[in-house]
Amino acid sequence: MTDIATIAARLDAAARDAQAIPQITGQEGELALSDAYDIQRVVIDHRLARGATLVGVKMGFTSEAKMAQMGLKDQIWGRLTSDMVVANGGVVDRARFIHPRVEPEVAVRLKAPLTGEITREEAFAAIDAVAPALEIIDSRYENFRFALGDVVADNASSSAFVVGAWLPADTDVADVPMVMSVDGAVAETGTSAAILGDPICSLVAAARLAGAAGLTLQPGWTVMLGGATAAAAIGSARAVSLDAGPLGQVGFTIVGGAT
């Protein structure tokens, strides 16, 4: 029987101390997806107990190629908390991460609750605003290696996120060009069409998956809809920026020594 509380405490400590731990799979046997989501919830409960608040959710494995690579037929999701928020143009301390990577995304802010099986039209109607965004992912496992249950338990590797200026809800996000640069050099290029072919479809999936766990997406929450390109390692970089064409720009600066 999986020891949900012990594994969650181990992952919470790894994130707080920025110290990698061995992946769970292999130590505890294969981790069932239901147990993995229970662990994720308890990890986040630790943060909430320290004063953080729940501010949204993030989607993972929204690329068809990534799903095929992992042998999956569905996306995964994680929770966003207030202590993960980085202001656009803000500064983050490298010391809070283990081996951070960054990926370009589209974010939406909700004006109405969403949960369960919904249509694209219902998802679109619940959007208050859209924005370009960057997500810092930082697996708490050694060498960034994990199985599916491991990454789900680890809050889908989410560590921090940066959202650009909010734009009207009817702004087209279906095929936005994305150019992500690290220290001024282009690191990744792509388009938002890589997010399930249409980023709004990722919001539909978020409502379904979170709803299955008993969670309703709330007005005011941010939903990170998934990476538009592969993630780029931050390494010793000092600045990351995203030019999302008509959606605008977003970026942050890193201080502290290299990990």
C-alpha atoms as a PDB file:
ATOM      1  CA  MET A   1       0.000   0.000   0.000  1.00  0.00           C
ATOM      2  CA  THR A   2       1.362   3.404  -1.029  1.00  0.00           C
ATOM      3  CA  ASP A   3       2.277   5.672   1.883  1.00  0.00           C
ATOM      4  CA  ILE A   4       0.729   8.862   0.507  1.00  0.00           C
ATOM      5  CA  ALA A   5       1.666  11.091   3.469  1.00  0.00           C
ATOM      6  CA  THR A   6       5.311  10.014   3.631  1.00  0.00           C
ATOM      7  CA  ILE A   7       5.956  10.418  -0.084  1.00  0.00           C
ATOM      8  CA  ALA A   8       4.188  13.801  -0.114  1.00  0.00           C
ATOM      9  CA  ALA A   9       6.309  15.011   2.797  1.00  0.00           C
ATOM     10  CA  ARG A  10       9.442  13.868   0.975  1.00  0.00           C
ATOM     11  CA  LEU A  11       8.476  15.768  -2.184  1.00  0.00           C
ATOM     12  CA  ASP A  12       7.476  18.865  -0.221  1.00  0.00           C
ATOM     13  CA  ALA A  13      10.847  18.903   1.544  1.00  0.00           C
ATOM     14  CA  ALA A  14      12.679  18.415  -1.767  1.00  0.00           C
ATOM     15  CA  ALA A  15      10.939  21.468  -3.215  1.00  0.00           C
ATOM     16  CA  ARG A  16      11.463  23.632  -0.112  1.00  0.00           C
ATOM     17  CA  ASP A  17      15.144  22.691   0.230  1.00  0.00           C
ATOM     18  CA  ALA A  18      15.859  22.567  -3.531  1.00  0.00           C
ATOM     19  CA  GLN A  19      17.411  19.138  -3.048  1.00  0.00           C
ATOM     20  CA  ALA A  20      16.750  16.370  -5.562  1.00  0.00           C
ATOM     21  CA  ILE A  21      15.503  12.991  -4.391  1.00  0.00           C
ATOM     22  CA  PRO A  22      15.439   9.588  -6.119  1.00  0.00           C
ATOM     23  CA  GLN A  23      12.329   8.967  -8.176  1.00  0.00           C
ATOM     24  CA  ILE A  24       9.551   7.137  -6.382  1.00  0.00           C
ATOM     25  CA  THR A  25       9.093   4.466  -9.043  1.00  0.00           C
ATOM     26  CA  GLY A  26      11.664   1.800  -8.337  1.00  0.00           C
ATOM     27  CA  GLN A  27      11.762   2.538  -4.623  1.00  0.00           C
ATOM     28  CA  GLU A  28       8.060   2.109  -3.960  1.00  0.00           C
ATOM     29  CA  GLY A  29       7.207   0.019  -7.012  1.00  0.00           C
ATOM     30  CA  GLU A  30       5.050   1.433  -9.791  1.00  0.00           C
ATOM     31  CA  LEU A  31       3.004   4.393  -8.611  1.00  0.00           C
ATOM     32  CA  ALA A  32      -0.658   4.229  -9.624  1.00  0.00           C
ATOM     33  CA  LEU A  33      -1.994   7.401 -11.211  1.00  0.00           C
ATOM     34  CA  SER A  34      -4.740   7.732  -8.596  1.00  0.00           C
ATOM     35  CA  ASP A  35      -2.151   7.509  -5.806  1.00  0.00           C
ATOM     36  CA  ALA A  36       0.058  10.002  -7.639  1.00  0.00           C
ATOM     37  CA  TYR A  37      -2.729  12.594  -7.741  1.00  0.00           C
ATOM     38  CA  ASP A  38      -3.444  11.981  -4.058  1.00  0.00           C
ATOM     39  CA  ILE A  39       0.232  12.642  -3.314  1.00  0.00           C
ATOM     40  CA  GLN A  40       0.124  15.828  -5.399  1.00  0.00           C
ATOM     41  CA  ARG A  41      -2.897  17.077  -3.447  1.00  0.00           C
ATOM     42  CA  VAL A  42      -1.185  16.439  -0.098  1.00  0.00           C
ATOM     43  CA  VAL A  43       2.021  18.150  -1.281  1.00  0.00           C
ATOM     44  CA  ILE A  44      -0.028  21.230  -2.153  1.00  0.00           C
ATOM     45  CA  ASP A  45      -1.872  20.993   1.177  1.00  0.00           C
ATOM     46  CA  HIS A  46       1.520  21.439   2.875  1.00  0.00           C
ATOM     47  CA  ARG A  47       1.994  24.718   0.972  1.00  0.00           C
ATOM     48  CA  LEU A  48      -1.501  25.911   1.799  1.00  0.00           C
ATOM     49  CA  ALA A  49      -0.858  25.185   5.474  1.00  0.00           C
ATOM     50  CA  ARG A  50       2.158  27.514   5.286  1.00  0.00           C
ATOM     51  CA  GLY A  51      -0.006  30.350   3.969  1.00  0.00           C
ATOM     52  CA  ALA A  52      -0.048  29.921   0.187  1.00  0.00           C
ATOM     53  CA  THR A  53      -3.354  30.007  -1.683  1.00  0.00           C
ATOM     54  CA  LEU A  54      -4.569  28.081  -4.697  1.00  0.00           C
ATOM     55  CA  VAL A  55      -4.548  30.367  -7.755  1.00  0.00           C
ATOM     56  CA  GLY A  56      -5.048  28.019 -10.685  1.00  0.00           C
ATOM     57  CA  VAL A  57      -3.969  24.885 -12.479  1.00  0.00           C
ATOM     58  CA  LYS A  58      -1.425  23.927 -15.109  1.00  0.00           C
ATOM     59  CA  MET A  59      -1.659  21.405 -17.909  1.00  0.00           C
ATOM     60  CA  GLY A  60       1.051  18.988 -18.969  1.00  0.00           C
ATOM     61  CA  PHE A  61       1.663  16.630 -21.878  1.00  0.00           C
ATOM     62  CA  THR A  62      -0.456  18.808 -24.176  1.00  0.00           C
ATOM     63  CA  SER A  63       1.736  17.970 -27.163  1.00  0.00           C
ATOM     64  CA  GLU A  64       0.632  14.994 -29.277  1.00  0.00           C
ATOM     65  CA  ALA A  65       4.298  14.085 -29.788  1.00  0.00           C
ATOM     66  CA  LYS A  66       4.983  14.129 -26.038  1.00  0.00           C
ATOM     67  CA  MET A  67       1.921  12.023 -25.294  1.00  0.00           C
ATOM     68  CA  ALA A  68       3.031   9.479 -27.882  1.00  0.00           C
ATOM     69  CA  GLN A  69       6.556   9.475 -26.439  1.00  0.00           C
ATOM     70  CA  MET A  70       5.174   8.759 -22.961  1.00  0.00           C
ATOM     71  CA  GLY A  71       2.633   6.229 -24.239  1.00  0.00           C
ATOM     72  CA  LEU A  72      -0.274   8.377 -23.039  1.00  0.00           C
ATOM     73  CA  LYS A  73      -3.731   9.116 -24.378  1.00  0.00           C
ATOM     74  CA  ASP A  74      -4.543  11.973 -22.015  1.00  0.00           C
ATOM     75  CA  GLN A  75      -2.997  15.045 -20.444  1.00  0.00           C
ATOM     76  CA  ILE A  76      -1.859  15.505 -16.865  1.00  0.00           C
ATOM     77  CA  TRP A  77      -2.433  18.499 -14.617  1.00  0.00           C
ATOM     78  CA  GLY A  78      -1.059  20.195 -11.542  1.00  0.00           C
ATOM     79  CA  ARG A  79      -1.982  22.960  -9.142  1.00  0.00           C
ATOM     80  CA  LEU A  80      -0.712  26.560  -9.099  1.00  0.00           C
ATOM     81  CA  THR A  81      -0.198  28.325  -5.778  1.00  0.00           C
ATOM     82  CA  SER A  82       0.426  31.953  -4.889  1.00  0.00           C
ATOM     83  CA  ASP A  83       4.047  31.280  -3.906  1.00  0.00           C
ATOM     84  CA  MET A  84       4.742  30.177  -7.505  1.00  0.00           C
ATOM     85  CA  VAL A  85       3.826  33.558  -9.013  1.00  0.00           C
ATOM     86  CA  VAL A  86       6.640  35.642 -10.545  1.00  0.00           C
ATOM     87  CA  ALA A  87       5.793  39.133 -11.818  1.00  0.00           C
ATOM     88  CA  ASN A  88       6.350  39.871 -15.500  1.00  0.00           C
ATOM     89  CA  GLY A  89       9.840  41.348 -15.702  1.00  0.00           C
ATOM     90  CA  GLY A  90      10.503  40.170 -12.162  1.00  0.00           C
ATOM     91  CA  VAL A  91      13.476  38.472 -10.571  1.00  0.00           C
ATOM     92  CA  VAL A  92      13.765  34.871  -9.394  1.00  0.00           C
ATOM     93  CA  ASP A  93      16.515  33.413  -7.226  1.00  0.00           C
ATOM     94  CA  ARG A  94      18.204  30.391  -8.753  1.00  0.00           C
ATOM     95  CA  ALA A  95      18.691  28.977  -5.257  1.00  0.00           C
ATOM     96  CA  ARG A  96      15.003  28.022  -5.091  1.00  0.00           C
ATOM     97  CA  PHE A  97      15.407  25.550  -7.966  1.00  0.00           C
ATOM     98  CA  ILE A  98      17.264  22.280  -8.519  1.00  0.00           C
ATOM     99  CA  HIS A  99      17.659  22.046 -12.314  1.00  0.00           C
ATOM    100  CA  PRO A 100      15.148  24.519 -13.773  1.00  0.00           C
ATOM    101  CA  ARG A 101      13.860  24.576 -17.306  1.00  0.00           C
ATOM    102  CA  VAL A 102      11.464  26.992 -18.959  1.00  0.00           C
ATOM    103  CA  GLU A 103       8.774  26.688 -21.604  1.00  0.00           C
ATOM    104  CA  PRO A 104       6.508  29.140 -23.448  1.00  0.00           C
ATOM    105  CA  GLU A 105       2.777  28.890 -22.866  1.00  0.00           C
ATOM    106  CA  VAL A 106      -0.589  30.569 -23.222  1.00  0.00           C
ATOM    107  CA  ALA A 107      -2.420  31.447 -20.015  1.00  0.00           C
ATOM    108  CA  VAL A 108      -6.097  32.230 -19.476  1.00  0.00           C
ATOM    109  CA  ARG A 109      -7.834  33.907 -16.542  1.00  0.00           C
ATOM    110  CA  LEU A 110     -11.328  32.723 -15.714  1.00  0.00           C
ATOM    111  CA  LYS A 111     -14.443  34.772 -14.990  1.00  0.00           C
ATOM    112  CA  ALA A 112     -16.757  31.825 -14.302  1.00  0.00           C
ATOM    113  CA  PRO A 113     -16.352  28.398 -12.688  1.00  0.00           C
ATOM    114  CA  LEU A 114     -15.619  25.355 -14.831  1.00  0.00           C
ATOM    115  CA  THR A 115     -15.763  21.701 -13.928  1.00  0.00           C
ATOM    116  CA  GLY A 116     -16.372  18.334 -15.532  1.00  0.00           C
ATOM    117  CA  GLU A 117     -17.280  17.586 -19.126  1.00  0.00           C
ATOM    118  CA  ILE A 118     -17.704  20.875 -20.986  1.00  0.00           C
ATOM    119  CA  THR A 119     -17.690  22.010 -24.600  1.00  0.00           C
ATOM    120  CA  ARG A 120     -15.143  24.287 -26.232  1.00  0.00           C
ATOM    121  CA  GLU A 121     -17.846  26.958 -26.389  1.00  0.00           C
ATOM    122  CA  GLU A 122     -18.492  26.687 -22.639  1.00  0.00           C
ATOM    123  CA  ALA A 123     -14.761  26.900 -21.939  1.00  0.00           C
ATOM    124  CA  PHE A 124     -14.377  29.963 -24.153  1.00  0.00           C
ATOM    125  CA  ALA A 125     -17.340  31.686 -22.501  1.00  0.00           C
ATOM    126  CA  ALA A 126     -15.676  31.310 -19.081  1.00  0.00           C
ATOM    127  CA  ILE A 127     -12.469  33.102 -20.130  1.00  0.00           C
ATOM    128  CA  ASP A 128     -11.949  36.600 -18.761  1.00  0.00           C
ATOM    129  CA  ALA A 129      -8.577  37.311 -20.411  1.00  0.00           C
ATOM    130  CA  VAL A 130      -5.629  35.650 -22.175  1.00  0.00           C
ATOM    131  CA  ALA A 131      -1.887  36.274 -21.973  1.00  0.00           C
ATOM    132  CA  PRO A 132       1.514  34.972 -23.026  1.00  0.00           C
ATOM    133  CA  ALA A 133       3.266  33.113 -20.224  1.00  0.00           C
ATOM    134  CA  LEU A 134       6.397  31.272 -19.188  1.00  0.00           C
ATOM    135  CA  GLU A 135       6.466  28.288 -16.863  1.00  0.00           C
ATOM    136  CA  ILE A 136       9.541  27.286 -14.898  1.00  0.00           C
ATOM    137  CA  ILE A 137       9.504  23.535 -14.478  1.00  0.00           C
ATOM    138  CA  ASP A 138      11.855  21.903 -12.004  1.00  0.00           C
ATOM    139  CA  SER A 139      11.505  18.198 -11.323  1.00  0.00           C
ATOM    140  CA  ARG A 140      12.321  17.325  -7.747  1.00  0.00           C
ATOM    141  CA  TYR A 141      13.870  14.057  -8.925  1.00  0.00           C
ATOM    142  CA  GLU A 142      17.547  13.373  -9.510  1.00  0.00           C
ATOM    143  CA  ASN A 143      18.698  13.938 -13.101  1.00  0.00           C
ATOM    144  CA  PHE A 144      15.193  15.107 -14.096  1.00  0.00           C
ATOM    145  CA  ARG A 145      14.230  11.428 -14.518  1.00  0.00           C
ATOM    146  CA  PHE A 146      10.764  10.140 -13.683  1.00  0.00           C
ATOM    147  CA  ALA A 147       7.940   7.821 -14.665  1.00  0.00           C
ATOM    148  CA  LEU A 148       4.386   9.049 -15.199  1.00  0.00           C
ATOM    149  CA  GLY A 149       3.281   8.554 -11.584  1.00  0.00           C
ATOM    150  CA  ASP A 150       6.398  10.318 -10.341  1.00  0.00           C
ATOM    151  CA  VAL A 151       5.802  13.487 -12.346  1.00  0.00           C
ATOM    152  CA  VAL A 152       2.114  13.652 -11.445  1.00  0.00           C
ATOM    153  CA  ALA A 153       2.950  13.296  -7.740  1.00  0.00           C
ATOM    154  CA  ASP A 154       5.510  16.086  -8.192  1.00  0.00           C
ATOM    155  CA  ASN A 155       2.799  18.527  -9.293  1.00  0.00           C
ATOM    156  CA  ALA A 156       3.636  17.925 -12.959  1.00  0.00           C
ATOM    157  CA  SER A 157       7.125  19.414 -12.328  1.00  0.00           C
ATOM    158  CA  SER A 158       5.637  22.891 -11.951  1.00  0.00           C
ATOM    159  CA  SER A 159       7.728  25.324  -9.906  1.00  0.00           C
ATOM    160  CA  ALA A 160       6.955  28.922 -10.916  1.00  0.00           C
ATOM    161  CA  PHE A 161       5.136  30.855 -13.624  1.00  0.00           C
ATOM    162  CA  VAL A 162       5.195  34.310 -15.183  1.00  0.00           C
ATOM    163  CA  VAL A 163       2.215  35.829 -16.989  1.00  0.00           C
ATOM    164  CA  GLY A 164       2.382  38.762 -19.386  1.00  0.00           C
ATOM    165  CA  ALA A 165      -0.152  41.558 -19.854  1.00  0.00           C
ATOM    166  CA  TRP A 166      -3.728  40.334 -19.955  1.00  0.00           C
ATOM    167  CA  LEU A 167      -5.581  40.793 -23.255  1.00  0.00           C
ATOM    168  CA  PRO A 168      -9.303  40.596 -24.091  1.00  0.00           C
ATOM    169  CA  ALA A 169     -10.831  37.139 -23.930  1.00  0.00           C
ATOM    170  CA  ASP A 170     -11.642  37.102 -27.641  1.00  0.00           C
ATOM    171  CA  THR A 171      -7.976  37.536 -28.620  1.00  0.00           C
ATOM    172  CA  ASP A 172      -7.097  34.706 -31.010  1.00  0.00           C
ATOM    173  CA  VAL A 173      -4.735  32.220 -29.351  1.00  0.00           C
ATOM    174  CA  ALA A 174      -5.132  29.360 -31.833  1.00  0.00           C
ATOM    175  CA  ASP A 175      -1.886  29.667 -33.826  1.00  0.00           C
ATOM    176  CA  VAL A 176       0.312  32.293 -32.198  1.00  0.00           C
ATOM    177  CA  PRO A 177       4.016  32.312 -33.134  1.00  0.00           C
ATOM    178  CA  MET A 178       6.292  31.862 -30.125  1.00  0.00           C
ATOM    179  CA  VAL A 179       9.977  32.740 -29.922  1.00  0.00           C
ATOM    180  CA  MET A 180      11.613  32.057 -26.559  1.00  0.00           C
ATOM    181  CA  SER A 181      15.060  33.477 -25.901  1.00  0.00           C
ATOM    182  CA  VAL A 182      17.579  32.744 -23.175  1.00  0.00           C
ATOM    183  CA  ASP A 183      20.153  35.492 -22.577  1.00  0.00           C
ATOM    184  CA  GLY A 184      19.117  37.082 -25.870  1.00  0.00           C
ATOM    185  CA  ALA A 185      19.678  33.990 -27.998  1.00  0.00           C
ATOM    186  CA  VAL A 186      16.737  32.128 -29.496  1.00  0.00           C
ATOM    187  CA  ALA A 187      16.294  28.885 -27.574  1.00  0.00           C
ATOM    188  CA  GLU A 188      12.975  27.532 -28.910  1.00  0.00           C
ATOM    189  CA  THR A 189      10.459  28.485 -31.586  1.00  0.00           C
ATOM    190  CA  GLY A 190       6.986  27.168 -32.265  1.00  0.00           C
ATOM    191  CA  THR A 191       3.338  28.114 -32.247  1.00  0.00           C
ATOM    192  CA  SER A 192       0.470  27.789 -29.812  1.00  0.00           C
ATOM    193  CA  ALA A 193      -1.138  25.289 -32.206  1.00  0.00           C
ATOM    194  CA  ALA A 194       1.176  22.706 -30.600  1.00  0.00           C
ATOM    195  CA  ILE A 195      -1.070  22.912 -27.512  1.00  0.00           C
ATOM    196  CA  LEU A 196      -3.603  20.205 -28.481  1.00  0.00           C
ATOM    197  CA  GLY A 197      -4.037  21.886 -31.867  1.00  0.00           C
ATOM    198  CA  ASP A 198      -6.004  24.640 -30.108  1.00  0.00           C
ATOM    199  CA  PRO A 199      -5.140  25.957 -26.609  1.00  0.00           C
ATOM    200  CA  ILE A 200      -8.835  26.256 -25.681  1.00  0.00           C
ATOM    201  CA  CYS A 201      -9.052  22.460 -25.971  1.00  0.00           C
ATOM    202  CA  SER A 202      -6.530  22.339 -23.125  1.00  0.00           C
ATOM    203  CA  LEU A 203      -8.914  24.385 -20.967  1.00  0.00           C
ATOM    204  CA  VAL A 204     -11.654  21.850 -21.746  1.00  0.00           C
ATOM    205  CA  ALA A 205      -9.285  19.091 -20.596  1.00  0.00           C
ATOM    206  CA  ALA A 206      -8.367  21.045 -17.455  1.00  0.00           C
ATOM    207  CA  ALA A 207     -12.021  21.295 -16.410  1.00  0.00           C
ATOM    208  CA  ARG A 208     -12.536  17.582 -17.036  1.00  0.00           C
ATOM    209  CA  LEU A 209      -9.416  16.344 -15.245  1.00  0.00           C
ATOM    210  CA  ALA A 210      -9.670  18.689 -12.267  1.00  0.00           C
ATOM    211  CA  GLY A 211     -13.387  17.984 -12.027  1.00  0.00           C
ATOM    212  CA  ALA A 212     -12.700  14.251 -11.833  1.00  0.00           C
ATOM    213  CA  ALA A 213     -10.619  15.033  -8.741  1.00  0.00           C
ATOM    214  CA  GLY A 214     -13.452  17.058  -7.201  1.00  0.00           C
ATOM    215  CA  LEU A 215     -11.871  20.429  -8.001  1.00  0.00           C
ATOM    216  CA  THR A 216     -13.793  23.254  -9.690  1.00  0.00           C
ATOM    217  CA  LEU A 217     -11.762  25.823 -11.621  1.00  0.00           C
ATOM    218  CA  GLN A 218     -12.637  29.129  -9.977  1.00  0.00           C
ATOM    219  CA  PRO A 219     -13.223  32.681 -11.260  1.00  0.00           C
ATOM    220  CA  GLY A 220      -9.977  34.656 -11.037  1.00  0.00           C
ATOM    221  CA  TRP A 221      -7.819  31.557 -11.406  1.00  0.00           C
ATOM    222  CA  THR A 222      -5.059  31.293 -13.976  1.00  0.00           C
ATOM    223  CA  VAL A 223      -4.886  28.208 -16.171  1.00  0.00           C
ATOM    224  CA  MET A 224      -1.554  27.504 -17.845  1.00  0.00           C
ATOM    225  CA  LEU A 225      -2.534  25.660 -21.001  1.00  0.00           C
ATOM    226  CA  GLY A 226       0.703  23.768 -21.732  1.00  0.00           C
ATOM    227  CA  GLY A 227       4.041  24.176 -23.460  1.00  0.00           C
ATOM    228  CA  ALA A 228       4.131  25.369 -27.084  1.00  0.00           C
ATOM    229  CA  THR A 229       7.701  24.073 -27.529  1.00  0.00           C
ATOM    230  CA  ALA A 230      10.160  21.826 -25.770  1.00  0.00           C
ATOM    231  CA  ALA A 231      11.477  23.180 -22.477  1.00  0.00           C
ATOM    232  CA  ALA A 232      14.877  24.878 -22.459  1.00  0.00           C
ATOM    233  CA  ALA A 233      17.370  24.443 -19.626  1.00  0.00           C
ATOM    234  CA  ILE A 234      18.058  27.681 -17.782  1.00  0.00           C
ATOM    235  CA  GLY A 235      21.581  26.659 -16.724  1.00  0.00           C
ATOM    236  CA  SER A 236      23.688  29.713 -15.973  1.00  0.00           C
ATOM    237  CA  ALA A 237      21.389  32.075 -17.894  1.00  0.00           C
ATOM    238  CA  ARG A 238      20.446  35.483 -16.509  1.00  0.00           C
ATOM    239  CA  ALA A 239      17.381  36.353 -18.565  1.00  0.00           C
ATOM    240  CA  VAL A 240      14.505  34.549 -20.272  1.00  0.00           C
ATOM    241  CA  SER A 241      11.993  36.208 -22.575  1.00  0.00           C
ATOM    242  CA  LEU A 242       9.128  35.203 -24.832  1.00  0.00           C
ATOM    243  CA  ASP A 243       7.906  37.065 -27.895  1.00  0.00           C
ATOM    244  CA  ALA A 244       4.418  35.771 -28.595  1.00  0.00           C
ATOM    245  CA  GLY A 245       3.682  38.047 -31.557  1.00  0.00           C
ATOM    246  CA  PRO A 246       0.180  39.519 -31.201  1.00  0.00           C
ATOM    247  CA  LEU A 247      -0.049  38.316 -27.593  1.00  0.00           C
ATOM    248  CA  GLY A 248       2.966  40.408 -26.591  1.00  0.00           C
ATOM    249  CA  GLN A 249       6.060  39.713 -24.509  1.00  0.00           C
ATOM    250  CA  VAL A 250       6.823  38.242 -21.119  1.00  0.00           C
ATOM    251  CA  GLY A 251      10.077  37.586 -19.289  1.00  0.00           C
ATOM    252  CA  PHE A 252      12.053  37.355 -16.082  1.00  0.00           C
ATOM    253  CA  THR A 253      15.593  37.674 -14.744  1.00  0.00           C
ATOM    254  CA  ILE A 254      17.512  35.059 -12.746  1.00  0.00           C
ATOM    255  CA  VAL A 255      19.916  35.980  -9.968  1.00  0.00           C
ATOM    256  CA  GLY A 256      22.264  33.805  -7.935  1.00  0.00           C
ATOM    257  CA  GLY A 257      24.829  31.192  -8.865  1.00  0.00           C
ATOM    258  CA  ALA A 258      24.332  28.443 -11.419  1.00  0.00           C
ATOM    259  CA  THR A 259      22.877  25.161 -10.281  1.00  0.00           C
END
